[in-house]
């Protein structure tokens, strides 16, 4: 059971606020300190009615931590594990300084340059494992993303290339 407000769940708000504080600060964090601050924030948002219960289990890291690259473009956060070209493409497609039509116009170029014709995107939840909906084509996903006002960042969890060096599958988690 999780308490929530009109802005979302108390735990989720506290967690993402802490992640963004670290991202816009020095970018360094460890799970223990991140979760300690998340507990404090959750208690504050819930008026001490919800004490989070969690377990830190990070033995399924897709790449070494020193290989994670991030971009902070105003309010945009894109996290890509060793995938700089994807990071740059997603930074452009969610840039709030570009109009929806400018972002929409980028879709064909990005899909043609980086993705196989049948590339798929799977969106996962905060646990980075639970699928949110069905996989969709990269073109459909980028078109939706180009028009989205709610997505503030993208975490590219996994990416797979085909034999031609183009991405055939990506798994993402959205930061809203």
N, C-alpha and C. Protein backbone atom coordinates (compact mmCIF):
# COMPACT_ATOMS: atom_id res chain seq x y z
N UNK A 1 0.85 -1.17 0.00
CA UNK A 1 0.00 0.00 0.00
C UNK A 1 0.89 1.23 0.00
N UNK A 2 0.53 2.20 -0.81
CA UNK A 2 1.31 3.43 -0.89
C UNK A 2 0.38 4.62 -0.84
N UNK A 3 0.73 5.59 -0.02
CA UNK A 3 -0.04 6.83 0.03
C UNK A 3 0.32 7.70 -1.15
N UNK A 4 -0.64 8.49 -1.60
CA UNK A 4 -0.38 9.35 -2.73
C UNK A 4 -1.11 10.66 -2.62
N UNK A 5 -0.67 11.59 -3.44
CA UNK A 5 -1.30 12.90 -3.55
C UNK A 5 -1.75 13.07 -4.99
N UNK A 6 -2.28 14.22 -5.31
CA UNK A 6 -2.66 14.46 -6.71
C UNK A 6 -1.45 14.46 -7.64
N UNK A 7 -0.25 14.63 -7.08
CA UNK A 7 0.97 14.63 -7.88
C UNK A 7 1.61 13.26 -8.02
N UNK A 8 1.09 12.26 -7.30
CA UNK A 8 1.65 10.91 -7.41
C UNK A 8 1.88 10.29 -6.05
N UNK A 9 2.48 9.11 -6.06
CA UNK A 9 2.77 8.38 -4.83
C UNK A 9 3.85 9.08 -4.01
N UNK A 10 3.69 9.09 -2.70
CA UNK A 10 4.66 9.77 -1.82
C UNK A 10 6.06 9.19 -1.98
N UNK A 11 6.17 7.87 -2.03
CA UNK A 11 7.48 7.25 -2.20
C UNK A 11 8.07 7.62 -3.56
N UNK A 12 7.29 7.51 -4.63
CA UNK A 12 7.79 7.80 -5.97
C UNK A 12 8.27 9.24 -6.08
N UNK A 13 7.50 10.17 -5.55
CA UNK A 13 7.90 11.57 -5.59
C UNK A 13 9.21 11.78 -4.85
N UNK A 14 9.31 11.20 -3.65
CA UNK A 14 10.53 11.35 -2.85
C UNK A 14 11.74 10.73 -3.57
N UNK A 15 11.54 9.55 -4.13
CA UNK A 15 12.64 8.86 -4.81
C UNK A 15 13.14 9.67 -5.99
N UNK A 16 12.23 10.08 -6.90
CA UNK A 16 12.67 10.79 -8.09
C UNK A 16 13.22 12.17 -7.76
N UNK A 17 12.71 12.81 -6.72
CA UNK A 17 13.29 14.08 -6.29
C UNK A 17 14.74 13.89 -5.87
N UNK A 18 15.02 12.81 -5.15
CA UNK A 18 16.39 12.53 -4.72
C UNK A 18 17.29 12.18 -5.90
N UNK A 19 16.78 11.41 -6.85
CA UNK A 19 17.57 11.08 -8.03
C UNK A 19 17.92 12.36 -8.79
N UNK A 20 16.94 13.24 -8.98
CA UNK A 20 17.21 14.48 -9.71
C UNK A 20 18.14 15.41 -8.94
N UNK A 21 18.03 15.46 -7.61
CA UNK A 21 18.96 16.27 -6.81
C UNK A 21 20.39 15.82 -7.05
N UNK A 22 20.58 14.53 -7.06
CA UNK A 22 21.93 14.01 -7.28
C UNK A 22 22.39 14.26 -8.72
N UNK A 23 21.48 14.12 -9.67
CA UNK A 23 21.83 14.35 -11.07
C UNK A 23 22.22 15.81 -11.29
N UNK A 24 21.47 16.73 -10.74
CA UNK A 24 21.76 18.14 -10.95
C UNK A 24 22.83 18.65 -9.99
N UNK A 25 23.21 17.84 -9.00
CA UNK A 25 24.29 18.19 -8.09
C UNK A 25 25.59 17.66 -8.63
N UNK A 26 26.27 16.85 -7.83
CA UNK A 26 27.56 16.33 -8.28
C UNK A 26 27.44 15.02 -9.05
N UNK A 27 26.22 14.48 -9.14
CA UNK A 27 26.01 13.27 -9.92
C UNK A 27 26.47 12.00 -9.24
N UNK A 28 26.95 12.08 -8.01
CA UNK A 28 27.43 10.90 -7.30
C UNK A 28 26.38 10.46 -6.29
N UNK A 29 26.22 9.16 -6.19
CA UNK A 29 25.25 8.64 -5.23
C UNK A 29 25.56 7.18 -4.97
N UNK A 30 25.12 6.74 -3.84
CA UNK A 30 25.12 5.31 -3.57
C UNK A 30 23.70 4.97 -3.14
N UNK A 31 23.34 3.72 -3.32
CA UNK A 31 21.96 3.32 -3.05
C UNK A 31 21.56 3.56 -1.60
N UNK A 32 22.45 3.31 -0.66
CA UNK A 32 22.09 3.47 0.75
C UNK A 32 21.72 4.92 1.06
N UNK A 33 22.54 5.89 0.63
CA UNK A 33 22.23 7.29 0.93
C UNK A 33 21.00 7.76 0.14
N UNK A 34 20.87 7.29 -1.09
CA UNK A 34 19.69 7.65 -1.89
C UNK A 34 18.42 7.18 -1.19
N UNK A 35 18.43 5.95 -0.71
CA UNK A 35 17.23 5.42 -0.05
C UNK A 35 16.99 6.06 1.31
N UNK A 36 18.06 6.40 2.05
CA UNK A 36 17.88 7.10 3.33
C UNK A 36 17.14 8.42 3.11
N UNK A 37 17.55 9.16 2.09
CA UNK A 37 16.89 10.43 1.79
C UNK A 37 15.48 10.21 1.25
N UNK A 38 15.28 9.14 0.51
CA UNK A 38 13.94 8.81 0.01
C UNK A 38 13.00 8.52 1.18
N UNK A 39 13.48 7.81 2.18
CA UNK A 39 12.65 7.55 3.38
C UNK A 39 12.26 8.87 4.04
N UNK A 40 13.23 9.75 4.23
CA UNK A 40 12.93 11.05 4.86
C UNK A 40 11.87 11.82 4.05
N UNK A 41 12.05 11.84 2.74
CA UNK A 41 11.10 12.54 1.88
C UNK A 41 9.73 11.91 1.92
N UNK A 42 9.67 10.59 1.90
CA UNK A 42 8.38 9.90 1.94
C UNK A 42 7.64 10.21 3.24
N UNK A 43 8.37 10.17 4.35
CA UNK A 43 7.75 10.50 5.64
C UNK A 43 7.22 11.93 5.64
N UNK A 44 7.99 12.83 5.06
CA UNK A 44 7.56 14.24 4.98
C UNK A 44 6.30 14.38 4.13
N UNK A 45 6.31 13.80 2.91
CA UNK A 45 5.16 13.93 2.01
C UNK A 45 3.91 13.26 2.55
N UNK A 46 4.10 12.21 3.34
CA UNK A 46 2.94 11.47 3.85
C UNK A 46 2.56 11.87 5.27
N UNK A 47 3.15 12.95 5.77
CA UNK A 47 2.91 13.40 7.16
C UNK A 47 3.15 12.25 8.14
N UNK A 48 4.25 11.54 7.94
CA UNK A 48 4.68 10.42 8.79
C UNK A 48 3.71 9.25 8.81
N UNK A 49 2.88 9.12 7.77
CA UNK A 49 1.91 8.02 7.72
C UNK A 49 2.42 6.83 6.93
N UNK A 50 3.45 7.03 6.12
CA UNK A 50 3.98 5.92 5.33
C UNK A 50 5.47 5.81 5.57
N UNK A 51 5.88 4.68 6.10
CA UNK A 51 7.30 4.41 6.25
C UNK A 51 7.69 3.38 5.20
N UNK A 52 8.50 3.76 4.25
CA UNK A 52 8.82 2.87 3.13
C UNK A 52 9.55 1.60 3.58
N UNK A 53 9.23 0.54 2.91
CA UNK A 53 9.94 -0.72 3.07
C UNK A 53 10.54 -1.03 1.70
N UNK A 54 11.83 -1.30 1.67
CA UNK A 54 12.49 -1.55 0.41
C UNK A 54 13.64 -2.51 0.62
N UNK A 55 14.14 -3.03 -0.48
CA UNK A 55 15.32 -3.89 -0.46
C UNK A 55 16.22 -3.45 -1.61
N UNK A 56 17.46 -3.19 -1.30
CA UNK A 56 18.42 -2.82 -2.34
C UNK A 56 19.03 -4.11 -2.88
N UNK A 57 18.87 -4.30 -4.18
CA UNK A 57 19.41 -5.48 -4.84
C UNK A 57 19.89 -5.05 -6.21
N UNK A 58 21.16 -4.82 -6.35
CA UNK A 58 21.67 -4.28 -7.61
C UNK A 58 22.68 -5.20 -8.28
N UNK A 59 22.38 -6.47 -8.30
CA UNK A 59 23.28 -7.41 -8.93
C UNK A 59 22.99 -7.63 -10.41
N UNK A 60 22.07 -6.85 -10.98
CA UNK A 60 21.71 -6.99 -12.39
C UNK A 60 22.01 -5.68 -13.12
N UNK A 61 23.20 -5.17 -12.96
CA UNK A 61 23.60 -3.92 -13.60
C UNK A 61 24.02 -4.22 -15.03
N UNK A 62 23.41 -3.55 -16.04
CA UNK A 62 23.71 -3.87 -17.42
C UNK A 62 25.09 -3.45 -17.89
N UNK A 63 25.77 -2.55 -17.18
CA UNK A 63 27.11 -2.12 -17.58
C UNK A 63 27.80 -1.55 -16.35
N UNK A 64 29.13 -1.45 -16.38
CA UNK A 64 29.83 -0.86 -15.24
C UNK A 64 29.36 0.57 -14.99
N UNK A 65 29.30 0.95 -13.73
CA UNK A 65 28.81 2.28 -13.36
C UNK A 65 29.62 3.38 -14.02
N UNK A 66 30.93 3.19 -14.20
CA UNK A 66 31.73 4.25 -14.81
C UNK A 66 31.48 4.40 -16.31
N UNK A 67 30.62 3.55 -16.86
CA UNK A 67 30.28 3.63 -18.28
C UNK A 67 28.94 4.33 -18.50
N UNK A 68 28.34 4.86 -17.44
CA UNK A 68 27.05 5.53 -17.58
C UNK A 68 27.29 7.00 -17.95
N UNK A 69 26.66 7.44 -19.02
CA UNK A 69 26.79 8.83 -19.42
C UNK A 69 25.43 9.50 -19.30
N UNK A 70 25.43 10.74 -18.85
CA UNK A 70 24.18 11.47 -18.70
C UNK A 70 24.29 12.82 -19.36
N UNK A 71 23.15 13.35 -19.74
CA UNK A 71 23.09 14.69 -20.31
C UNK A 71 22.03 15.45 -19.54
N UNK A 72 22.36 16.65 -19.14
CA UNK A 72 21.41 17.52 -18.48
C UNK A 72 21.23 18.73 -19.38
N UNK A 73 20.08 18.82 -20.02
CA UNK A 73 19.80 19.91 -20.94
C UNK A 73 18.60 20.68 -20.38
N UNK A 74 18.86 21.63 -19.49
CA UNK A 74 17.76 22.30 -18.81
C UNK A 74 17.08 21.33 -17.89
N UNK A 75 15.83 21.00 -18.16
CA UNK A 75 15.09 20.04 -17.35
C UNK A 75 15.13 18.64 -17.91
N UNK A 76 15.93 18.41 -18.95
CA UNK A 76 15.97 17.12 -19.62
C UNK A 76 17.08 16.27 -19.02
N UNK A 77 16.76 15.03 -18.68
CA UNK A 77 17.76 14.09 -18.21
C UNK A 77 17.68 12.86 -19.11
N UNK A 78 18.81 12.50 -19.71
CA UNK A 78 18.87 11.28 -20.51
C UNK A 78 20.02 10.46 -19.96
N UNK A 79 19.71 9.24 -19.57
CA UNK A 79 20.71 8.34 -19.03
C UNK A 79 20.85 7.19 -20.02
N UNK A 80 22.07 6.97 -20.49
CA UNK A 80 22.30 5.90 -21.46
C UNK A 80 23.55 5.14 -21.04
N UNK A 81 23.43 3.86 -20.88
CA UNK A 81 24.55 3.04 -20.46
C UNK A 81 25.43 2.75 -21.67
N UNK A 82 26.50 3.53 -21.82
CA UNK A 82 27.45 3.31 -22.90
C UNK A 82 26.91 3.52 -24.30
N UNK A 83 25.82 4.22 -24.47
CA UNK A 83 25.20 4.39 -25.78
C UNK A 83 25.08 5.89 -26.10
N UNK A 84 26.20 6.51 -26.41
CA UNK A 84 26.23 7.96 -26.61
C UNK A 84 25.34 8.43 -27.75
N UNK A 85 25.30 7.68 -28.86
CA UNK A 85 24.49 8.12 -29.99
C UNK A 85 23.00 8.10 -29.63
N UNK A 86 22.57 7.11 -28.87
CA UNK A 86 21.18 7.07 -28.42
C UNK A 86 20.89 8.22 -27.46
N UNK A 87 21.82 8.45 -26.54
CA UNK A 87 21.66 9.54 -25.58
C UNK A 87 21.43 10.86 -26.30
N UNK A 88 22.25 11.15 -27.28
CA UNK A 88 22.12 12.41 -28.01
C UNK A 88 20.80 12.50 -28.77
N UNK A 89 20.38 11.39 -29.39
CA UNK A 89 19.12 11.39 -30.14
C UNK A 89 17.93 11.62 -29.20
N UNK A 90 17.92 10.95 -28.07
CA UNK A 90 16.81 11.13 -27.13
C UNK A 90 16.84 12.51 -26.48
N UNK A 91 18.03 13.05 -26.27
CA UNK A 91 18.13 14.41 -25.75
C UNK A 91 17.42 15.39 -26.69
N UNK A 92 17.63 15.22 -27.99
CA UNK A 92 17.01 16.10 -28.97
C UNK A 92 15.49 15.92 -29.01
N UNK A 93 15.04 14.68 -28.96
CA UNK A 93 13.61 14.41 -29.17
C UNK A 93 12.78 14.83 -27.96
N UNK A 94 13.38 14.99 -26.77
CA UNK A 94 12.60 15.44 -25.61
C UNK A 94 12.98 16.85 -25.16
N UNK A 95 13.79 17.53 -25.94
CA UNK A 95 14.22 18.88 -25.59
C UNK A 95 13.02 19.83 -25.54
N UNK A 96 12.72 20.39 -24.35
CA UNK A 96 11.56 21.27 -24.24
C UNK A 96 11.75 22.60 -24.97
N UNK A 97 12.97 22.91 -25.39
CA UNK A 97 13.22 24.15 -26.11
C UNK A 97 12.85 24.04 -27.59
N UNK A 98 12.57 22.82 -28.05
CA UNK A 98 12.13 22.61 -29.42
C UNK A 98 10.61 22.49 -29.45
N UNK A 99 10.01 22.96 -30.52
CA UNK A 99 8.56 22.84 -30.65
C UNK A 99 8.19 21.39 -30.97
N UNK A 100 6.91 21.07 -30.78
CA UNK A 100 6.45 19.72 -31.13
C UNK A 100 6.71 19.40 -32.59
N UNK A 101 6.50 20.37 -33.48
CA UNK A 101 6.72 20.09 -34.90
C UNK A 101 8.21 19.88 -35.20
N UNK A 102 9.10 20.62 -34.53
CA UNK A 102 10.54 20.41 -34.71
C UNK A 102 10.94 19.01 -34.23
N UNK A 103 10.38 18.64 -33.09
CA UNK A 103 10.69 17.31 -32.54
C UNK A 103 10.12 16.22 -33.45
N UNK A 104 8.90 16.42 -33.94
CA UNK A 104 8.26 15.45 -34.84
C UNK A 104 9.12 15.27 -36.10
N UNK A 105 9.65 16.38 -36.63
CA UNK A 105 10.47 16.32 -37.85
C UNK A 105 11.78 15.55 -37.65
N UNK A 106 12.23 15.40 -36.42
CA UNK A 106 13.47 14.67 -36.13
C UNK A 106 13.29 13.15 -36.19
N UNK A 107 12.06 12.69 -36.06
CA UNK A 107 11.80 11.26 -35.91
C UNK A 107 12.36 10.45 -37.09
N UNK A 108 12.07 10.84 -38.31
CA UNK A 108 12.53 10.07 -39.48
C UNK A 108 14.05 10.00 -39.54
N UNK A 109 14.70 11.11 -39.29
CA UNK A 109 16.17 11.12 -39.32
C UNK A 109 16.78 10.21 -38.27
N UNK A 110 16.23 10.27 -37.07
CA UNK A 110 16.74 9.43 -35.98
C UNK A 110 16.50 7.96 -36.27
N UNK A 111 15.28 7.63 -36.69
CA UNK A 111 14.99 6.21 -36.95
C UNK A 111 15.83 5.68 -38.10
N UNK A 112 15.99 6.45 -39.16
CA UNK A 112 16.78 6.00 -40.31
C UNK A 112 18.26 5.86 -39.99
N UNK A 113 18.79 6.76 -39.20
CA UNK A 113 20.22 6.78 -38.89
C UNK A 113 20.61 5.70 -37.87
N UNK A 114 19.77 5.48 -36.86
CA UNK A 114 20.18 4.64 -35.74
C UNK A 114 19.50 3.28 -35.64
N UNK A 115 18.31 3.13 -36.24
CA UNK A 115 17.51 1.95 -35.95
C UNK A 115 17.25 1.09 -37.17
N UNK A 116 17.17 -0.22 -36.93
CA UNK A 116 16.75 -1.17 -37.96
C UNK A 116 15.29 -0.89 -38.31
N UNK A 117 14.86 -1.28 -39.50
CA UNK A 117 13.50 -0.97 -39.95
C UNK A 117 12.43 -1.59 -39.04
N UNK A 118 12.75 -2.69 -38.37
CA UNK A 118 11.77 -3.35 -37.51
C UNK A 118 12.09 -3.20 -36.02
N UNK A 119 12.84 -2.16 -35.66
CA UNK A 119 13.26 -1.95 -34.27
C UNK A 119 12.06 -1.73 -33.35
N UNK A 120 12.18 -2.27 -32.15
CA UNK A 120 11.10 -2.19 -31.17
C UNK A 120 11.61 -1.53 -29.90
N UNK A 121 10.65 -0.94 -29.16
CA UNK A 121 10.93 -0.30 -27.88
C UNK A 121 10.04 -0.94 -26.83
N UNK A 122 10.64 -1.30 -25.72
CA UNK A 122 9.89 -1.78 -24.58
C UNK A 122 10.06 -0.75 -23.47
N UNK A 123 8.95 -0.28 -22.90
CA UNK A 123 8.99 0.65 -21.79
C UNK A 123 8.81 -0.16 -20.51
N UNK A 124 9.69 0.08 -19.54
CA UNK A 124 9.62 -0.62 -18.27
C UNK A 124 9.36 0.39 -17.15
N UNK A 125 8.89 -0.13 -16.04
CA UNK A 125 8.59 0.70 -14.88
C UNK A 125 9.84 1.04 -14.09
N UNK A 126 9.61 1.62 -12.91
CA UNK A 126 10.70 2.07 -12.06
C UNK A 126 11.64 0.95 -11.64
N UNK A 127 11.13 -0.28 -11.57
CA UNK A 127 12.00 -1.40 -11.17
C UNK A 127 12.90 -1.85 -12.32
N UNK A 128 12.74 -1.25 -13.48
CA UNK A 128 13.51 -1.53 -14.70
C UNK A 128 13.31 -2.96 -15.21
N UNK A 129 12.24 -3.62 -14.78
CA UNK A 129 11.95 -4.98 -15.22
C UNK A 129 10.51 -5.16 -15.67
N UNK A 130 9.58 -4.47 -15.03
CA UNK A 130 8.16 -4.65 -15.32
C UNK A 130 7.79 -3.91 -16.59
N UNK A 131 7.31 -4.64 -17.60
CA UNK A 131 6.90 -4.01 -18.85
C UNK A 131 5.66 -3.15 -18.63
N UNK A 132 5.67 -1.97 -19.23
CA UNK A 132 4.54 -1.06 -19.20
C UNK A 132 3.93 -1.09 -20.60
N UNK A 133 2.90 -1.88 -20.77
CA UNK A 133 2.29 -2.02 -22.09
C UNK A 133 3.07 -2.99 -22.95
N UNK A 134 2.69 -3.04 -24.22
CA UNK A 134 3.30 -3.92 -25.21
C UNK A 134 4.45 -3.21 -25.91
N UNK A 135 5.44 -3.95 -26.40
CA UNK A 135 6.49 -3.31 -27.20
C UNK A 135 5.88 -2.62 -28.42
N UNK A 136 6.48 -1.51 -28.81
CA UNK A 136 6.00 -0.75 -29.97
C UNK A 136 7.17 -0.48 -30.91
N UNK A 137 6.85 -0.11 -32.13
CA UNK A 137 7.91 0.21 -33.09
C UNK A 137 8.61 1.49 -32.65
N UNK A 138 9.88 1.62 -33.02
CA UNK A 138 10.65 2.80 -32.65
C UNK A 138 10.02 4.06 -33.22
N UNK A 139 9.51 3.98 -34.43
CA UNK A 139 8.90 5.15 -35.05
C UNK A 139 7.68 5.61 -34.26
N UNK A 140 6.82 4.67 -33.90
CA UNK A 140 5.63 5.00 -33.12
C UNK A 140 6.01 5.59 -31.76
N UNK A 141 7.01 4.99 -31.13
CA UNK A 141 7.44 5.48 -29.81
C UNK A 141 8.00 6.90 -29.91
N UNK A 142 8.88 7.14 -30.87
CA UNK A 142 9.48 8.47 -31.00
C UNK A 142 8.45 9.53 -31.38
N UNK A 143 7.46 9.15 -32.20
CA UNK A 143 6.40 10.11 -32.53
C UNK A 143 5.61 10.49 -31.28
N UNK A 144 5.26 9.50 -30.46
CA UNK A 144 4.56 9.79 -29.21
C UNK A 144 5.42 10.65 -28.29
N UNK A 145 6.69 10.30 -28.21
CA UNK A 145 7.62 11.03 -27.34
C UNK A 145 7.79 12.48 -27.81
N UNK A 146 7.83 12.68 -29.11
CA UNK A 146 7.99 14.03 -29.67
C UNK A 146 6.83 14.94 -29.27
N UNK A 147 5.66 14.37 -29.09
CA UNK A 147 4.48 15.17 -28.74
C UNK A 147 4.21 15.22 -27.24
N UNK A 148 4.97 14.47 -26.47
CA UNK A 148 4.72 14.38 -25.03
C UNK A 148 5.17 15.64 -24.30
N UNK A 149 4.34 16.10 -23.40
CA UNK A 149 4.69 17.22 -22.53
C UNK A 149 5.13 16.72 -21.15
N UNK A 150 4.87 15.44 -20.87
CA UNK A 150 5.09 14.91 -19.52
C UNK A 150 6.45 14.25 -19.32
N UNK A 151 7.07 13.75 -20.37
CA UNK A 151 8.34 13.05 -20.22
C UNK A 151 9.46 14.07 -20.05
N UNK A 152 10.15 13.98 -18.91
CA UNK A 152 11.23 14.91 -18.59
C UNK A 152 12.60 14.28 -18.78
N UNK A 153 12.60 12.97 -18.93
CA UNK A 153 13.87 12.28 -19.11
C UNK A 153 13.64 10.85 -19.55
N UNK A 154 14.71 10.24 -20.02
CA UNK A 154 14.67 8.87 -20.49
C UNK A 154 15.87 8.14 -19.91
N UNK A 155 15.62 6.96 -19.38
CA UNK A 155 16.69 6.07 -18.95
C UNK A 155 16.71 4.93 -19.95
N UNK A 156 17.76 4.86 -20.74
CA UNK A 156 17.89 3.78 -21.71
C UNK A 156 18.55 2.62 -20.96
N UNK A 157 17.73 1.65 -20.61
CA UNK A 157 18.16 0.56 -19.74
C UNK A 157 19.01 -0.46 -20.49
N UNK A 158 18.57 -0.85 -21.68
CA UNK A 158 19.29 -1.81 -22.50
C UNK A 158 19.11 -1.45 -23.96
N UNK A 159 20.10 -1.81 -24.75
CA UNK A 159 20.02 -1.58 -26.19
C UNK A 159 20.72 -2.74 -26.89
N UNK A 160 20.12 -3.21 -27.97
CA UNK A 160 20.68 -4.33 -28.72
C UNK A 160 20.81 -3.92 -30.18
N UNK A 161 21.98 -4.18 -30.76
CA UNK A 161 22.22 -3.87 -32.17
C UNK A 161 22.14 -5.14 -33.00
N UNK A 162 21.76 -4.96 -34.26
CA UNK A 162 21.75 -6.10 -35.19
C UNK A 162 23.12 -6.20 -35.86
N UNK A 163 23.27 -7.12 -36.81
CA UNK A 163 24.54 -7.33 -37.50
C UNK A 163 25.00 -6.15 -38.33
N UNK A 164 24.08 -5.24 -38.67
CA UNK A 164 24.43 -4.04 -39.45
C UNK A 164 24.80 -2.85 -38.57
N UNK A 165 24.85 -3.06 -37.27
CA UNK A 165 25.22 -1.99 -36.36
C UNK A 165 24.09 -1.03 -36.03
N UNK A 166 22.86 -1.39 -36.38
CA UNK A 166 21.70 -0.55 -36.05
C UNK A 166 20.97 -1.18 -34.88
N UNK A 167 20.33 -0.32 -34.10
CA UNK A 167 19.61 -0.81 -32.93
C UNK A 167 18.34 -1.53 -33.36
N UNK A 168 18.17 -2.73 -32.82
CA UNK A 168 16.97 -3.51 -33.14
C UNK A 168 16.00 -3.55 -31.97
N UNK A 169 16.51 -3.29 -30.77
CA UNK A 169 15.67 -3.30 -29.57
C UNK A 169 16.26 -2.36 -28.55
N UNK A 170 15.41 -1.53 -27.94
CA UNK A 170 15.84 -0.76 -26.78
C UNK A 170 14.78 -0.91 -25.70
N UNK A 171 15.25 -0.86 -24.48
CA UNK A 171 14.38 -0.91 -23.30
C UNK A 171 14.60 0.42 -22.58
N UNK A 172 13.50 1.14 -22.33
CA UNK A 172 13.61 2.46 -21.71
C UNK A 172 12.68 2.56 -20.50
N UNK A 173 13.06 3.46 -19.60
CA UNK A 173 12.21 3.84 -18.48
C UNK A 173 12.07 5.36 -18.57
N UNK A 174 10.85 5.84 -18.48
CA UNK A 174 10.61 7.28 -18.63
C UNK A 174 10.60 7.98 -17.28
N UNK A 175 11.16 9.17 -17.25
CA UNK A 175 11.13 10.03 -16.07
C UNK A 175 10.11 11.09 -16.35
N UNK A 176 9.07 11.11 -15.54
CA UNK A 176 7.97 12.06 -15.74
C UNK A 176 7.93 13.07 -14.64
